[in-house]
């Protein structure tokens, strides 16, 4: 009986040691934090992956994710500064930056964190869009709106040990009941803008054409005037040269001879090659040798 009791006690002690040894081991994965609690209060945090130890039966362990988390916000109605209703469907990327603050304020609950994120991000989105016109909201879908929401949130999430990495809109649309009316108004506005641009372009084109036509007219007038001046100067010079030539007795006979030949050449053009001359004609005198 004594030996049996000894064996049972030995087995119990061995089991206790095994259980105590197993409960003292803490395995931390690469994508998580391990929070070691002692009597409910956080004693220390293990942020490096690997195996560590805690006091069995006295200390407990909680695990928090270290990787980036995604939270999909519910679609909600928001009103722009020009009193237009829009539907915003968005999501955020976030992670736990300070596990100690996260555990102290949110009790290590991801659900509690998502509830706070939902309220804070929704309020920020509503504030940003309510101070922006509908056209600017639509134009800001290339990242301007997302950055404005993040800037509006600021450092309000630091108290929870949370860092907001990104805010993105999946859909930013108009309610179905007034979508057609808004589209028609936008088309009408764009048509008015296009008509204004067309009218301004036509007016400027006409002004350019009128200016060009005036410049061409002035240039042609100047060219014509210069041409007339040159012709008049040439004729005057021609007449001066002729006058000087005929005034010289030694050249009068030669020029008379040349003019007679020119007159004969002119009279013999065409099909009729017969010329009748009187004896006293200057042309006849050429052939008579007088």
C-alpha atoms as a PDB file:
ATOM      1  CA  UNK A   1       0.000   0.000   0.000  1.00  0.00           C
ATOM      2  CA  UNK A   2       2.820   2.379   0.881  1.00  0.00           C
ATOM      3  CA  UNK A   3       4.579   1.697  -2.399  1.00  0.00           C
ATOM      4  CA  UNK A   4       1.350   2.314  -4.318  1.00  0.00           C
ATOM      5  CA  UNK A   5       0.819   5.640  -2.609  1.00  0.00           C
ATOM      6  CA  UNK A   6       4.382   6.619  -3.387  1.00  0.00           C
ATOM      7  CA  UNK A   7       3.920   5.785  -7.054  1.00  0.00           C
ATOM      8  CA  UNK A   8       0.667   7.720  -7.273  1.00  0.00           C
ATOM      9  CA  UNK A   9       2.259  10.724  -5.599  1.00  0.00           C
ATOM     10  CA  UNK A  10       5.212  10.539  -7.945  1.00  0.00           C
ATOM     11  CA  UNK A  11       2.902  10.439 -10.953  1.00  0.00           C
ATOM     12  CA  UNK A  12       0.939  13.421  -9.643  1.00  0.00           C
ATOM     13  CA  UNK A  13       4.106  15.406  -9.038  1.00  0.00           C
ATOM     14  CA  UNK A  14       5.332  14.545 -12.525  1.00  0.00           C
ATOM     15  CA  UNK A  15       2.033  15.582 -14.083  1.00  0.00           C
ATOM     16  CA  UNK A  16       2.095  18.821 -12.101  1.00  0.00           C
ATOM     17  CA  UNK A  17       5.611  19.561 -13.294  1.00  0.00           C
ATOM     18  CA  UNK A  18       4.661  18.812 -16.884  1.00  0.00           C
ATOM     19  CA  UNK A  19       1.593  21.018 -16.701  1.00  0.00           C
ATOM     20  CA  UNK A  20       3.551  23.792 -14.995  1.00  0.00           C
ATOM     21  CA  UNK A  21       6.321  23.529 -17.539  1.00  0.00           C
ATOM     22  CA  UNK A  22       3.900  23.601 -20.456  1.00  0.00           C
ATOM     23  CA  UNK A  23       1.998  26.575 -19.057  1.00  0.00           C
ATOM     24  CA  UNK A  24       5.221  28.511 -18.571  1.00  0.00           C
ATOM     25  CA  UNK A  25       6.086  28.415 -22.276  1.00  0.00           C
ATOM     26  CA  UNK A  26       4.938  31.324 -24.450  1.00  0.00           C
ATOM     27  CA  UNK A  27       5.143  30.924 -28.226  1.00  0.00           C
ATOM     28  CA  UNK A  28       5.003  34.246 -30.111  1.00  0.00           C
ATOM     29  CA  UNK A  29       4.319  34.097 -33.846  1.00  0.00           C
ATOM     30  CA  UNK A  30       5.946  36.517 -36.276  1.00  0.00           C
ATOM     31  CA  UNK A  31       2.638  38.324 -36.966  1.00  0.00           C
ATOM     32  CA  UNK A  32       1.521  38.866 -33.333  1.00  0.00           C
ATOM     33  CA  UNK A  33       2.285  40.420 -29.977  1.00  0.00           C
ATOM     34  CA  UNK A  34       2.214  38.407 -26.749  1.00  0.00           C
ATOM     35  CA  UNK A  35       0.961  40.319 -23.696  1.00  0.00           C
ATOM     36  CA  UNK A  36       1.999  38.723 -20.390  1.00  0.00           C
ATOM     37  CA  UNK A  37      -0.448  39.517 -17.595  1.00  0.00           C
ATOM     38  CA  UNK A  38       0.145  39.037 -13.884  1.00  0.00           C
ATOM     39  CA  UNK A  39      -2.985  39.077 -11.760  1.00  0.00           C
ATOM     40  CA  UNK A  40      -4.821  40.765 -14.658  1.00  0.00           C
ATOM     41  CA  UNK A  41      -2.296  43.582 -15.095  1.00  0.00           C
ATOM     42  CA  UNK A  42       0.085  43.635 -18.064  1.00  0.00           C
ATOM     43  CA  UNK A  43       3.562  42.798 -16.829  1.00  0.00           C
ATOM     44  CA  UNK A  44       5.454  42.939 -20.128  1.00  0.00           C
ATOM     45  CA  UNK A  45       4.993  42.559 -23.875  1.00  0.00           C
ATOM     46  CA  UNK A  46       6.818  40.192 -26.211  1.00  0.00           C
ATOM     47  CA  UNK A  47       7.039  41.664 -29.708  1.00  0.00           C
ATOM     48  CA  UNK A  48       9.723  39.387 -31.178  1.00  0.00           C
ATOM     49  CA  UNK A  49       8.780  36.009 -32.582  1.00  0.00           C
ATOM     50  CA  UNK A  50      10.064  32.941 -30.759  1.00  0.00           C
ATOM     51  CA  UNK A  51       9.716  31.096 -27.433  1.00  0.00           C
ATOM     52  CA  UNK A  52       9.691  32.892 -24.064  1.00  0.00           C
ATOM     53  CA  UNK A  53       8.616  31.964 -20.526  1.00  0.00           C
ATOM     54  CA  UNK A  54       6.157  33.151 -17.898  1.00  0.00           C
ATOM     55  CA  UNK A  55       5.352  32.205 -14.334  1.00  0.00           C
ATOM     56  CA  UNK A  56       2.852  29.321 -14.460  1.00  0.00           C
ATOM     57  CA  UNK A  57      -0.519  29.740 -12.738  1.00  0.00           C
ATOM     58  CA  UNK A  58       0.402  33.336 -11.863  1.00  0.00           C
ATOM     59  CA  UNK A  59       0.838  34.910 -15.254  1.00  0.00           C
ATOM     60  CA  UNK A  60      -1.408  34.576 -18.299  1.00  0.00           C
ATOM     61  CA  UNK A  61      -0.903  35.531 -21.958  1.00  0.00           C
ATOM     62  CA  UNK A  62      -2.998  37.371 -24.552  1.00  0.00           C
ATOM     63  CA  UNK A  63      -2.159  37.604 -28.246  1.00  0.00           C
ATOM     64  CA  UNK A  64      -2.746  40.599 -30.509  1.00  0.00           C
ATOM     65  CA  UNK A  65      -2.247  40.738 -34.293  1.00  0.00           C
ATOM     66  CA  UNK A  66       0.780  42.633 -35.541  1.00  0.00           C
ATOM     67  CA  UNK A  67      -0.066  42.611 -39.281  1.00  0.00           C
ATOM     68  CA  UNK A  68      -2.090  45.163 -41.208  1.00  0.00           C
ATOM     69  CA  UNK A  69      -5.828  44.753 -40.709  1.00  0.00           C
ATOM     70  CA  UNK A  70      -8.704  45.667 -43.009  1.00  0.00           C
ATOM     71  CA  UNK A  71     -12.025  47.032 -41.828  1.00  0.00           C
ATOM     72  CA  UNK A  72     -14.902  47.486 -44.272  1.00  0.00           C
ATOM     73  CA  UNK A  73     -17.169  50.341 -43.224  1.00  0.00           C
ATOM     74  CA  UNK A  74     -20.885  50.209 -43.925  1.00  0.00           C
ATOM     75  CA  UNK A  75     -22.304  52.339 -46.737  1.00  0.00           C
ATOM     76  CA  UNK A  76     -23.685  55.623 -45.416  1.00  0.00           C
ATOM     77  CA  UNK A  77     -25.358  58.766 -46.686  1.00  0.00           C
ATOM     78  CA  UNK A  78     -23.355  61.994 -46.542  1.00  0.00           C
ATOM     79  CA  UNK A  79     -24.386  65.537 -47.490  1.00  0.00           C
ATOM     80  CA  UNK A  80     -22.090  67.916 -49.384  1.00  0.00           C
ATOM     81  CA  UNK A  81     -21.724  71.640 -48.720  1.00  0.00           C
ATOM     82  CA  UNK A  82     -24.184  72.401 -51.548  1.00  0.00           C
ATOM     83  CA  UNK A  83     -26.777  70.146 -49.861  1.00  0.00           C
ATOM     84  CA  UNK A  84     -26.434  67.180 -52.226  1.00  0.00           C
ATOM     85  CA  UNK A  85     -26.785  63.676 -50.810  1.00  0.00           C
ATOM     86  CA  UNK A  86     -24.187  61.063 -51.761  1.00  0.00           C
ATOM     87  CA  UNK A  87     -23.587  57.448 -50.794  1.00  0.00           C
ATOM     88  CA  UNK A  88     -20.107  56.669 -49.462  1.00  0.00           C
ATOM     89  CA  UNK A  89     -18.841  53.078 -49.251  1.00  0.00           C
ATOM     90  CA  UNK A  90     -15.276  52.833 -47.961  1.00  0.00           C
ATOM     91  CA  UNK A  91     -12.708  50.710 -46.137  1.00  0.00           C
ATOM     92  CA  UNK A  92      -9.606  51.363 -44.050  1.00  0.00           C
ATOM     93  CA  UNK A  93      -6.265  49.681 -43.423  1.00  0.00           C
ATOM     94  CA  UNK A  94      -4.926  49.903 -39.878  1.00  0.00           C
ATOM     95  CA  UNK A  95      -2.635  48.170 -37.404  1.00  0.00           C
ATOM     96  CA  UNK A  96      -1.810  48.121 -33.712  1.00  0.00           C
ATOM     97  CA  UNK A  97       1.098  50.500 -33.208  1.00  0.00           C
ATOM     98  CA  UNK A  98       1.142  50.407 -29.378  1.00  0.00           C
ATOM     99  CA  UNK A  99      -0.138  47.102 -27.949  1.00  0.00           C
ATOM    100  CA  UNK A 100      -0.002  48.399 -24.367  1.00  0.00           C
ATOM    101  CA  UNK A 101      -2.336  51.335 -25.059  1.00  0.00           C
ATOM    102  CA  UNK A 102      -4.524  49.078 -27.166  1.00  0.00           C
ATOM    103  CA  UNK A 103      -4.909  46.600 -24.324  1.00  0.00           C
ATOM    104  CA  UNK A 104      -5.501  49.282 -21.699  1.00  0.00           C
ATOM    105  CA  UNK A 105      -8.132  51.228 -23.647  1.00  0.00           C
ATOM    106  CA  UNK A 106      -9.836  48.532 -25.721  1.00  0.00           C
ATOM    107  CA  UNK A 107      -9.309  45.482 -23.532  1.00  0.00           C
ATOM    108  CA  UNK A 108      -7.434  43.623 -26.284  1.00  0.00           C
ATOM    109  CA  UNK A 109     -10.632  43.430 -28.336  1.00  0.00           C
ATOM    110  CA  UNK A 110     -10.473  43.808 -32.109  1.00  0.00           C
ATOM    111  CA  UNK A 111     -14.260  44.243 -32.139  1.00  0.00           C
ATOM    112  CA  UNK A 112     -13.960  47.204 -29.749  1.00  0.00           C
ATOM    113  CA  UNK A 113     -11.261  48.701 -31.975  1.00  0.00           C
ATOM    114  CA  UNK A 114     -13.390  48.349 -35.104  1.00  0.00           C
ATOM    115  CA  UNK A 115     -16.321  49.983 -33.308  1.00  0.00           C
ATOM    116  CA  UNK A 116     -14.161  53.014 -32.430  1.00  0.00           C
ATOM    117  CA  UNK A 117     -12.693  53.127 -35.928  1.00  0.00           C
ATOM    118  CA  UNK A 118     -16.152  52.998 -37.468  1.00  0.00           C
ATOM    119  CA  UNK A 119     -17.367  56.000 -35.467  1.00  0.00           C
ATOM    120  CA  UNK A 120     -14.203  58.095 -35.885  1.00  0.00           C
ATOM    121  CA  UNK A 121     -13.768  57.474 -39.610  1.00  0.00           C
ATOM    122  CA  UNK A 122     -17.457  58.013 -40.360  1.00  0.00           C
ATOM    123  CA  UNK A 123     -17.513  61.325 -38.479  1.00  0.00           C
ATOM    124  CA  UNK A 124     -14.355  62.470 -40.238  1.00  0.00           C
ATOM    125  CA  UNK A 125     -15.745  61.493 -43.655  1.00  0.00           C
ATOM    126  CA  UNK A 126     -18.992  63.321 -42.934  1.00  0.00           C
ATOM    127  CA  UNK A 127     -17.120  66.439 -41.773  1.00  0.00           C
ATOM    128  CA  UNK A 128     -14.863  66.539 -44.826  1.00  0.00           C
ATOM    129  CA  UNK A 129     -17.646  65.969 -47.361  1.00  0.00           C
ATOM    130  CA  UNK A 130     -20.017  68.401 -45.616  1.00  0.00           C
ATOM    131  CA  UNK A 131     -17.461  71.168 -46.181  1.00  0.00           C
ATOM    132  CA  UNK A 132     -16.891  70.248 -49.855  1.00  0.00           C
ATOM    133  CA  UNK A 133     -19.090  70.782 -52.897  1.00  0.00           C
ATOM    134  CA  UNK A 134     -20.371  67.796 -54.824  1.00  0.00           C
ATOM    135  CA  UNK A 135     -18.207  68.571 -57.867  1.00  0.00           C
ATOM    136  CA  UNK A 136     -15.080  68.782 -55.685  1.00  0.00           C
ATOM    137  CA  UNK A 137     -16.001  65.521 -53.920  1.00  0.00           C
ATOM    138  CA  UNK A 138     -16.271  63.746 -57.277  1.00  0.00           C
ATOM    139  CA  UNK A 139     -13.057  65.336 -58.517  1.00  0.00           C
ATOM    140  CA  UNK A 140     -11.270  64.334 -55.285  1.00  0.00           C
ATOM    141  CA  UNK A 141     -11.677  60.606 -55.828  1.00  0.00           C
ATOM    142  CA  UNK A 142      -8.097  60.450 -57.150  1.00  0.00           C
ATOM    143  CA  UNK A 143      -6.726  60.552 -53.587  1.00  0.00           C
ATOM    144  CA  UNK A 144      -7.430  64.110 -52.460  1.00  0.00           C
ATOM    145  CA  UNK A 145     -10.568  63.110 -50.553  1.00  0.00           C
ATOM    146  CA  UNK A 146      -8.847  60.167 -48.831  1.00  0.00           C
ATOM    147  CA  UNK A 147      -5.961  62.337 -47.685  1.00  0.00           C
ATOM    148  CA  UNK A 148      -8.388  64.985 -46.423  1.00  0.00           C
ATOM    149  CA  UNK A 149     -10.192  62.373 -44.291  1.00  0.00           C
ATOM    150  CA  UNK A 150      -6.908  61.084 -42.837  1.00  0.00           C
ATOM    151  CA  UNK A 151      -5.772  64.634 -42.071  1.00  0.00           C
ATOM    152  CA  UNK A 152      -9.097  65.341 -40.370  1.00  0.00           C
ATOM    153  CA  UNK A 153      -8.691  62.279 -38.122  1.00  0.00           C
ATOM    154  CA  UNK A 154      -5.213  63.438 -37.194  1.00  0.00           C
ATOM    155  CA  UNK A 155      -3.777  61.901 -34.019  1.00  0.00           C
ATOM    156  CA  UNK A 156      -7.097  60.966 -32.434  1.00  0.00           C
ATOM    157  CA  UNK A 157      -6.376  57.232 -32.764  1.00  0.00           C
ATOM    158  CA  UNK A 158      -3.053  57.384 -30.926  1.00  0.00           C
ATOM    159  CA  UNK A 159      -4.843  57.199 -27.584  1.00  0.00           C
ATOM    160  CA  UNK A 160      -5.969  53.678 -28.539  1.00  0.00           C
ATOM    161  CA  UNK A 161      -2.552  52.572 -29.806  1.00  0.00           C
ATOM    162  CA  UNK A 162      -3.927  52.422 -33.359  1.00  0.00           C
ATOM    163  CA  UNK A 163      -2.356  53.796 -36.527  1.00  0.00           C
ATOM    164  CA  UNK A 164      -4.544  54.429 -39.577  1.00  0.00           C
ATOM    165  CA  UNK A 165      -2.595  53.452 -42.696  1.00  0.00           C
ATOM    166  CA  UNK A 166      -5.064  54.169 -45.470  1.00  0.00           C
ATOM    167  CA  UNK A 167      -8.614  55.280 -46.181  1.00  0.00           C
ATOM    168  CA  UNK A 168     -10.105  54.316 -49.529  1.00  0.00           C
ATOM    169  CA  UNK A 169     -13.557  54.773 -51.071  1.00  0.00           C
ATOM    170  CA  UNK A 170     -14.963  51.776 -52.916  1.00  0.00           C
ATOM    171  CA  UNK A 171     -17.986  53.721 -54.132  1.00  0.00           C
ATOM    172  CA  UNK A 172     -18.909  57.378 -53.969  1.00  0.00           C
ATOM    173  CA  UNK A 173     -22.154  57.685 -55.841  1.00  0.00           C
ATOM    174  CA  UNK A 174     -25.453  59.510 -56.013  1.00  0.00           C
ATOM    175  CA  UNK A 175     -28.725  58.120 -54.665  1.00  0.00           C
ATOM    176  CA  UNK A 176     -30.673  56.402 -57.422  1.00  0.00           C
ATOM    177  CA  UNK A 177     -33.685  58.713 -57.074  1.00  0.00           C
ATOM    178  CA  UNK A 178     -31.816  61.884 -58.087  1.00  0.00           C
ATOM    179  CA  UNK A 179     -28.945  60.449 -60.124  1.00  0.00           C
ATOM    180  CA  UNK A 180     -30.638  61.102 -63.484  1.00  0.00           C
ATOM    181  CA  UNK A 181     -31.431  64.735 -62.602  1.00  0.00           C
ATOM    182  CA  UNK A 182     -27.870  65.382 -61.476  1.00  0.00           C
ATOM    183  CA  UNK A 183     -26.448  63.843 -64.639  1.00  0.00           C
ATOM    184  CA  UNK A 184     -28.720  66.007 -66.790  1.00  0.00           C
ATOM    185  CA  UNK A 185     -27.652  69.112 -64.878  1.00  0.00           C
ATOM    186  CA  UNK A 186     -23.973  68.206 -65.280  1.00  0.00           C
ATOM    187  CA  UNK A 187     -24.436  67.615 -69.034  1.00  0.00           C
ATOM    188  CA  UNK A 188     -26.240  70.968 -69.360  1.00  0.00           C
ATOM    189  CA  UNK A 189     -23.472  72.774 -67.482  1.00  0.00           C
ATOM    190  CA  UNK A 190     -20.777  71.169 -69.636  1.00  0.00           C
ATOM    191  CA  UNK A 191     -22.707  72.107 -72.803  1.00  0.00           C
ATOM    192  CA  UNK A 192     -22.946  75.711 -71.615  1.00  0.00           C
ATOM    193  CA  UNK A 193     -19.224  75.784 -70.908  1.00  0.00           C
ATOM    194  CA  UNK A 194     -18.500  74.284 -74.338  1.00  0.00           C
ATOM    195  CA  UNK A 195     -20.768  76.864 -76.024  1.00  0.00           C
ATOM    196  CA  UNK A 196     -18.990  79.671 -74.186  1.00  0.00           C
ATOM    197  CA  UNK A 197     -15.586  78.387 -75.272  1.00  0.00           C
ATOM    198  CA  UNK A 198     -16.828  78.024 -78.869  1.00  0.00           C
ATOM    199  CA  UNK A 199     -18.216  81.574 -78.938  1.00  0.00           C
ATOM    200  CA  UNK A 200     -15.033  83.008 -77.459  1.00  0.00           C
ATOM    201  CA  UNK A 201     -12.928  81.059 -79.941  1.00  0.00           C
ATOM    202  CA  UNK A 202     -15.054  82.208 -82.907  1.00  0.00           C
ATOM    203  CA  UNK A 203     -14.854  85.840 -81.760  1.00  0.00           C
ATOM    204  CA  UNK A 204     -11.087  85.664 -81.357  1.00  0.00           C
ATOM    205  CA  UNK A 205     -10.723  83.922 -84.726  1.00  0.00           C
ATOM    206  CA  UNK A 206     -12.763  86.675 -86.427  1.00  0.00           C
ATOM    207  CA  UNK A 207     -10.645  89.348 -84.770  1.00  0.00           C
ATOM    208  CA  UNK A 208      -7.498  87.618 -86.020  1.00  0.00           C
ATOM    209  CA  UNK A 209      -8.930  87.334 -89.553  1.00  0.00           C
ATOM    210  CA  UNK A 210      -9.950  91.015 -89.576  1.00  0.00           C
ATOM    211  CA  UNK A 211      -6.524  92.075 -88.334  1.00  0.00           C
ATOM    212  CA  UNK A 212      -4.805  89.895 -90.924  1.00  0.00           C
ATOM    213  CA  UNK A 213      -7.010  91.198 -93.769  1.00  0.00           C
ATOM    214  CA  UNK A 214      -6.224  94.776 -92.727  1.00  0.00           C
ATOM    215  CA  UNK A 215      -2.506  94.069 -92.657  1.00  0.00           C
ATOM    216  CA  UNK A 216      -2.685  92.413 -96.097  1.00  0.00           C
ATOM    217  CA  UNK A 217      -4.630  95.391 -97.526  1.00  0.00           C
ATOM    218  CA  UNK A 218      -2.098  97.847 -96.115  1.00  0.00           C
ATOM    219  CA  UNK A 219       0.808  95.798 -97.439  1.00  0.00           C
ATOM    220  CA  UNK A 220      -0.770  95.519-100.913  1.00  0.00           C
ATOM    221  CA  UNK A 221      -1.491  99.254-100.929  1.00  0.00           C
ATOM    222  CA  UNK A 222       2.081 100.055 -99.946  1.00  0.00           C
ATOM    223  CA  UNK A 223       3.417  97.652-102.577  1.00  0.00           C
ATOM    224  CA  UNK A 224       1.176  99.172-105.280  1.00  0.00           C
ATOM    225  CA  UNK A 225       2.255 102.685-104.309  1.00  0.00           C
ATOM    226  CA  UNK A 226       5.933 101.717-104.410  1.00  0.00           C
ATOM    227  CA  UNK A 227       5.405 100.018-107.775  1.00  0.00           C
ATOM    228  CA  UNK A 228       3.752 103.114-109.218  1.00  0.00           C
ATOM    229  CA  UNK A 229       6.574 105.260-107.913  1.00  0.00           C
ATOM    230  CA  UNK A 230       9.171 102.964-109.471  1.00  0.00           C
ATOM    231  CA  UNK A 231       7.311 102.897-112.806  1.00  0.00           C
ATOM    232  CA  UNK A 232       7.021 106.677-112.832  1.00  0.00           C
ATOM    233  CA  UNK A 233      10.683 107.050-111.980  1.00  0.00           C
ATOM    234  CA  UNK A 234      11.604 104.563-114.712  1.00  0.00           C
ATOM    235  CA  UNK A 235       9.512 106.329-117.321  1.00  0.00           C
ATOM    236  CA  UNK A 236      10.966 109.684-116.309  1.00  0.00           C
ATOM    237  CA  UNK A 237      14.465 108.264-116.600  1.00  0.00           C
ATOM    238  CA  UNK A 238      13.562 106.731-119.955  1.00  0.00           C
ATOM    239  CA  UNK A 239      12.245 110.017-121.242  1.00  0.00           C
ATOM    240  CA  UNK A 240      15.305 111.822-119.926  1.00  0.00           C
ATOM    241  CA  UNK A 241      17.626 109.402-121.720  1.00  0.00           C
ATOM    242  CA  UNK A 242      15.636 109.754-124.957  1.00  0.00           C
ATOM    243  CA  UNK A 243      15.615 113.499-124.617  1.00  0.00           C
ATOM    244  CA  UNK A 244      19.382 113.553-124.163  1.00  0.00           C
ATOM    245  CA  UNK A 245      19.827 111.176-127.078  1.00  0.00           C
ATOM    246  CA  UNK A 246      17.698 113.148-129.495  1.00  0.00           C
ATOM    247  CA  UNK A 247      19.221 116.412-128.367  1.00  0.00           C
ATOM    248  CA  UNK A 248      22.675 115.233-129.527  1.00  0.00           C
ATOM    249  CA  UNK A 249      23.011 115.896-133.339  1.00  0.00           C
ATOM    250  CA  UNK A 250      25.560 113.118-133.697  1.00  0.00           C
ATOM    251  CA  UNK A 251      23.069 110.528-132.474  1.00  0.00           C
ATOM    252  CA  UNK A 252      19.894 111.786-134.128  1.00  0.00           C
ATOM    253  CA  UNK A 253      20.543 109.922-137.371  1.00  0.00           C
ATOM    254  CA  UNK A 254      21.239 106.628-135.577  1.00  0.00           C
ATOM    255  CA  UNK A 255      18.104 106.807-133.448  1.00  0.00           C
ATOM    256  CA  UNK A 256      16.054 107.754-136.491  1.00  0.00           C
ATOM    257  CA  UNK A 257      17.445 104.667-138.231  1.00  0.00           C
ATOM    258  CA  UNK A 258      16.600 102.415-135.256  1.00  0.00           C
ATOM    259  CA  UNK A 259      13.078 103.803-134.931  1.00  0.00           C
ATOM    260  CA  UNK A 260      12.502 103.302-138.646  1.00  0.00           C
ATOM    261  CA  UNK A 261      13.536  99.652-138.364  1.00  0.00           C
ATOM    262  CA  UNK A 262      11.259  99.193-135.386  1.00  0.00           C
ATOM    263  CA  UNK A 263       8.364 100.709-137.296  1.00  0.00           C
ATOM    264  CA  UNK A 264       9.057  98.416-140.257  1.00  0.00           C
ATOM    265  CA  UNK A 265       9.244  95.365-138.024  1.00  0.00           C
ATOM    266  CA  UNK A 266       5.938  96.235-136.443  1.00  0.00           C
ATOM    267  CA  UNK A 267       4.188  96.795-139.787  1.00  0.00           C
ATOM    268  CA  UNK A 268       5.348  93.416-141.175  1.00  0.00           C
ATOM    269  CA  UNK A 269       3.825  91.272-138.446  1.00  0.00           C
ATOM    270  CA  UNK A 270       0.921  89.008-139.335  1.00  0.00           C
ATOM    271  CA  UNK A 271       0.154  87.260-142.619  1.00  0.00           C
ATOM    272  CA  UNK A 272       0.563  90.326-144.826  1.00  0.00           C
ATOM    273  CA  UNK A 273       4.290  90.816-145.625  1.00  0.00           C
ATOM    274  CA  UNK A 274       3.893  93.559-148.242  1.00  0.00           C
ATOM    275  CA  UNK A 275       4.776  97.089-147.287  1.00  0.00           C
ATOM    276  CA  UNK A 276       4.062 100.053-149.562  1.00  0.00           C
ATOM    277  CA  UNK A 277       6.186 103.056-148.842  1.00  0.00           C
ATOM    278  CA  UNK A 278       6.340 106.490-150.354  1.00  0.00           C
ATOM    279  CA  UNK A 279       9.718 107.719-151.595  1.00  0.00           C
ATOM    280  CA  UNK A 280       9.955 110.302-148.872  1.00  0.00           C
ATOM    281  CA  UNK A 281       9.200 107.822-146.060  1.00  0.00           C
ATOM    282  CA  UNK A 282      11.977 107.495-143.434  1.00  0.00           C
ATOM    283  CA  UNK A 283      11.850 103.744-143.916  1.00  0.00           C
ATOM    284  CA  UNK A 284      12.228 104.034-147.675  1.00  0.00           C
ATOM    285  CA  UNK A 285      15.156 106.336-147.184  1.00  0.00           C
ATOM    286  CA  UNK A 286      16.922 103.446-145.386  1.00  0.00           C
ATOM    287  CA  UNK A 287      16.725 101.259-148.485  1.00  0.00           C
ATOM    288  CA  UNK A 288      17.531 104.103-150.834  1.00  0.00           C
ATOM    289  CA  UNK A 289      20.618 104.841-148.821  1.00  0.00           C
ATOM    290  CA  UNK A 290      19.754 108.484-148.542  1.00  0.00           C
END
